[in-house]
Amino acid sequence: MPKVTFEFSCSNCSKIFDIKLNMSLDGNYRIHCPICNHVHYRAVVQGKITDTRFPQNDDKILIEDIIPMKSSCRDFQKEKKEDIDNGAIGFMKRLWQEKFSWQS
């Protein structure tokens, strides 16, 4: 199974960056923030990232140590697919709804 790209947010510096995880391998992943080097401990179970953290000293079942490039960082989330599909039409529709929402 190929690696899947996820948007990840650092709880320490609030930067958003992309990571690639091999979702076919269940186990623990260590994800380093490329800006502040804060380490996030995540577990993947049955192809899904869980909220389960694992102890820092539990390296015996570590699957991967992920250190993304600094160029993958940004201050905001990427556009959602619906916004990209709608393009200018989606923007104008939202603008229209904001301006005339008092009438509905």
C-alpha atoms as a PDB file:
ATOM      1  CA  MET A   1       0.000   0.000   0.000  1.00  0.00           C
ATOM      2  CA  PRO A   2       1.395   3.424  -0.870  1.00  0.00           C
ATOM      3  CA  LYS A   3       1.866   6.132   1.683  1.00  0.00           C
ATOM      4  CA  VAL A   4      -1.030   8.515   2.318  1.00  0.00           C
ATOM      5  CA  THR A   5      -0.496  12.269   2.789  1.00  0.00           C
ATOM      6  CA  PHE A   6      -2.062  13.905   5.848  1.00  0.00           C
ATOM      7  CA  GLU A   7      -2.210  17.473   7.078  1.00  0.00           C
ATOM      8  CA  PHE A   8      -0.808  17.614  10.598  1.00  0.00           C
ATOM      9  CA  SER A   9      -0.981  20.502  13.064  1.00  0.00           C
ATOM     10  CA  CYS A  10       1.701  21.050  15.700  1.00  0.00           C
ATOM     11  CA  SER A  11       0.239  21.675  19.140  1.00  0.00           C
ATOM     12  CA  ASN A  12       3.408  23.498  20.182  1.00  0.00           C
ATOM     13  CA  CYS A  13       3.976  26.119  17.442  1.00  0.00           C
ATOM     14  CA  SER A  14       0.571  25.893  15.642  1.00  0.00           C
ATOM     15  CA  LYS A  15       2.179  25.345  12.225  1.00  0.00           C
ATOM     16  CA  ILE A  16       0.529  22.996   9.749  1.00  0.00           C
ATOM     17  CA  PHE A  17       2.608  20.562   7.723  1.00  0.00           C
ATOM     18  CA  ASP A  18       2.169  17.523   5.504  1.00  0.00           C
ATOM     19  CA  ILE A  19       3.248  14.036   6.478  1.00  0.00           C
ATOM     20  CA  LYS A  20       3.165  10.732   4.612  1.00  0.00           C
ATOM     21  CA  LEU A  21       2.197   7.610   6.544  1.00  0.00           C
ATOM     22  CA  ASN A  22       2.263   3.991   5.470  1.00  0.00           C
ATOM     23  CA  MET A  23      -1.269   3.141   6.596  1.00  0.00           C
ATOM     24  CA  SER A  24      -0.786  -0.587   5.969  1.00  0.00           C
ATOM     25  CA  LEU A  25       1.604  -0.841   8.940  1.00  0.00           C
ATOM     26  CA  ASP A  26      -0.101  -0.773  12.336  1.00  0.00           C
ATOM     27  CA  GLY A  27       2.010   0.523  15.184  1.00  0.00           C
ATOM     28  CA  ASN A  28       3.625   3.632  16.614  1.00  0.00           C
ATOM     29  CA  TYR A  29       4.878   6.615  14.640  1.00  0.00           C
ATOM     30  CA  ARG A  30       6.989   9.498  15.895  1.00  0.00           C
ATOM     31  CA  ILE A  31       6.227  12.699  13.980  1.00  0.00           C
ATOM     32  CA  HIS A  32       8.627  15.638  14.387  1.00  0.00           C
ATOM     33  CA  CYS A  33       7.516  19.209  13.700  1.00  0.00           C
ATOM     34  CA  PRO A  34       9.952  20.620  11.127  1.00  0.00           C
ATOM     35  CA  ILE A  35       9.807  24.108  12.705  1.00  0.00           C
ATOM     36  CA  CYS A  36      10.050  23.626  16.489  1.00  0.00           C
ATOM     37  CA  ASN A  37      11.099  19.925  16.494  1.00  0.00           C
ATOM     38  CA  HIS A  38       8.255  19.044  18.906  1.00  0.00           C
ATOM     39  CA  VAL A  39       7.653  15.285  18.781  1.00  0.00           C
ATOM     40  CA  HIS A  40       4.120  13.916  18.362  1.00  0.00           C
ATOM     41  CA  TYR A  41       3.574  10.258  19.259  1.00  0.00           C
ATOM     42  CA  ARG A  42       0.761   8.637  17.268  1.00  0.00           C
ATOM     43  CA  ALA A  43      -0.508   5.102  16.817  1.00  0.00           C
ATOM     44  CA  VAL A  44      -2.014   3.687  13.630  1.00  0.00           C
ATOM     45  CA  VAL A  45      -4.526   0.867  14.083  1.00  0.00           C
ATOM     46  CA  GLN A  46      -6.194  -0.858  11.126  1.00  0.00           C
ATOM     47  CA  GLY A  47      -5.133   1.928   8.750  1.00  0.00           C
ATOM     48  CA  LYS A  48      -6.414   4.843  10.866  1.00  0.00           C
ATOM     49  CA  ILE A  49      -4.545   7.403  12.969  1.00  0.00           C
ATOM     50  CA  THR A  50      -5.805   7.176  16.536  1.00  0.00           C
ATOM     51  CA  ASP A  51      -5.697   9.621  19.431  1.00  0.00           C
ATOM     52  CA  THR A  52      -3.683   7.028  21.348  1.00  0.00           C
ATOM     53  CA  ARG A  53      -0.241   8.254  22.407  1.00  0.00           C
ATOM     54  CA  PHE A  54       2.515   5.854  23.343  1.00  0.00           C
ATOM     55  CA  PRO A  55       5.256   6.299  25.936  1.00  0.00           C
ATOM     56  CA  GLN A  56       8.439   8.016  24.751  1.00  0.00           C
ATOM     57  CA  ASN A  57      10.580   5.081  25.863  1.00  0.00           C
ATOM     58  CA  ASP A  58       8.493   2.464  24.015  1.00  0.00           C
ATOM     59  CA  ASP A  59      10.652   2.220  20.877  1.00  0.00           C
ATOM     60  CA  LYS A  60      10.301  -1.550  20.514  1.00  0.00           C
ATOM     61  CA  ILE A  61       7.198  -1.191  18.336  1.00  0.00           C
ATOM     62  CA  LEU A  62       8.178   2.026  16.563  1.00  0.00           C
ATOM     63  CA  ILE A  63       7.249   1.755  12.875  1.00  0.00           C
ATOM     64  CA  GLU A  64       8.650   5.004  11.567  1.00  0.00           C
ATOM     65  CA  ASP A  65      10.333   8.195  12.737  1.00  0.00           C
ATOM     66  CA  ILE A  66       8.967  10.943  10.453  1.00  0.00           C
ATOM     67  CA  ILE A  67      10.836  14.226   9.997  1.00  0.00           C
ATOM     68  CA  PRO A  68       9.105  16.303   7.282  1.00  0.00           C
ATOM     69  CA  MET A  69      10.876  19.045   5.337  1.00  0.00           C
ATOM     70  CA  LYS A  70      10.473  22.662   6.440  1.00  0.00           C
ATOM     71  CA  SER A  71       9.051  23.476   3.018  1.00  0.00           C
ATOM     72  CA  SER A  72       5.943  21.434   3.909  1.00  0.00           C
ATOM     73  CA  CYS A  73       5.002  23.966   6.644  1.00  0.00           C
ATOM     74  CA  ARG A  74       2.402  26.693   6.396  1.00  0.00           C
ATOM     75  CA  ASP A  75       0.277  28.868   8.670  1.00  0.00           C
ATOM     76  CA  PHE A  76      -3.117  27.792   7.319  1.00  0.00           C
ATOM     77  CA  GLN A  77      -4.906  24.680   6.109  1.00  0.00           C
ATOM     78  CA  LYS A  78      -5.116  23.819   2.435  1.00  0.00           C
ATOM     79  CA  GLU A  79      -8.334  24.570   0.577  1.00  0.00           C
ATOM     80  CA  LYS A  80     -10.979  21.909   0.829  1.00  0.00           C
ATOM     81  CA  LYS A  81     -11.831  19.987  -2.341  1.00  0.00           C
ATOM     82  CA  GLU A  82     -15.310  21.566  -2.503  1.00  0.00           C
ATOM     83  CA  ASP A  83     -13.773  25.062  -2.599  1.00  0.00           C
ATOM     84  CA  ILE A  84     -11.323  24.081  -5.328  1.00  0.00           C
ATOM     85  CA  ASP A  85     -14.089  22.484  -7.417  1.00  0.00           C
ATOM     86  CA  ASN A  86     -16.327  25.536  -7.104  1.00  0.00           C
ATOM     87  CA  GLY A  87     -13.532  28.039  -7.744  1.00  0.00           C
ATOM     88  CA  ALA A  88     -14.792  31.548  -8.403  1.00  0.00           C
ATOM     89  CA  ILE A  89     -18.411  30.373  -8.505  1.00  0.00           C
ATOM     90  CA  GLY A  90     -18.129  28.977  -4.965  1.00  0.00           C
ATOM     91  CA  PHE A  91     -16.549  32.214  -3.745  1.00  0.00           C
ATOM     92  CA  MET A  92     -19.260  34.375  -5.321  1.00  0.00           C
ATOM     93  CA  LYS A  93     -21.994  32.129  -3.881  1.00  0.00           C
ATOM     94  CA  ARG A  94     -20.529  32.473  -0.358  1.00  0.00           C
ATOM     95  CA  LEU A  95     -20.162  36.230  -0.838  1.00  0.00           C
ATOM     96  CA  TRP A  96     -23.789  36.495  -1.991  1.00  0.00           C
ATOM     97  CA  GLN A  97     -24.998  34.450   0.986  1.00  0.00           C
ATOM     98  CA  GLU A  98     -23.038  36.609   3.450  1.00  0.00           C
ATOM     99  CA  LYS A  99     -24.359  39.854   1.944  1.00  0.00           C
ATOM    100  CA  PHE A 100     -27.999  38.834   1.647  1.00  0.00           C
ATOM    101  CA  SER A 101     -28.336  36.321   4.529  1.00  0.00           C
ATOM    102  CA  TRP A 102     -30.560  38.802   6.434  1.00  0.00           C
ATOM    103  CA  GLN A 103     -33.249  38.273   3.773  1.00  0.00           C
ATOM    104  CA  SER A 104     -33.532  34.538   4.162  1.00  0.00           C
END
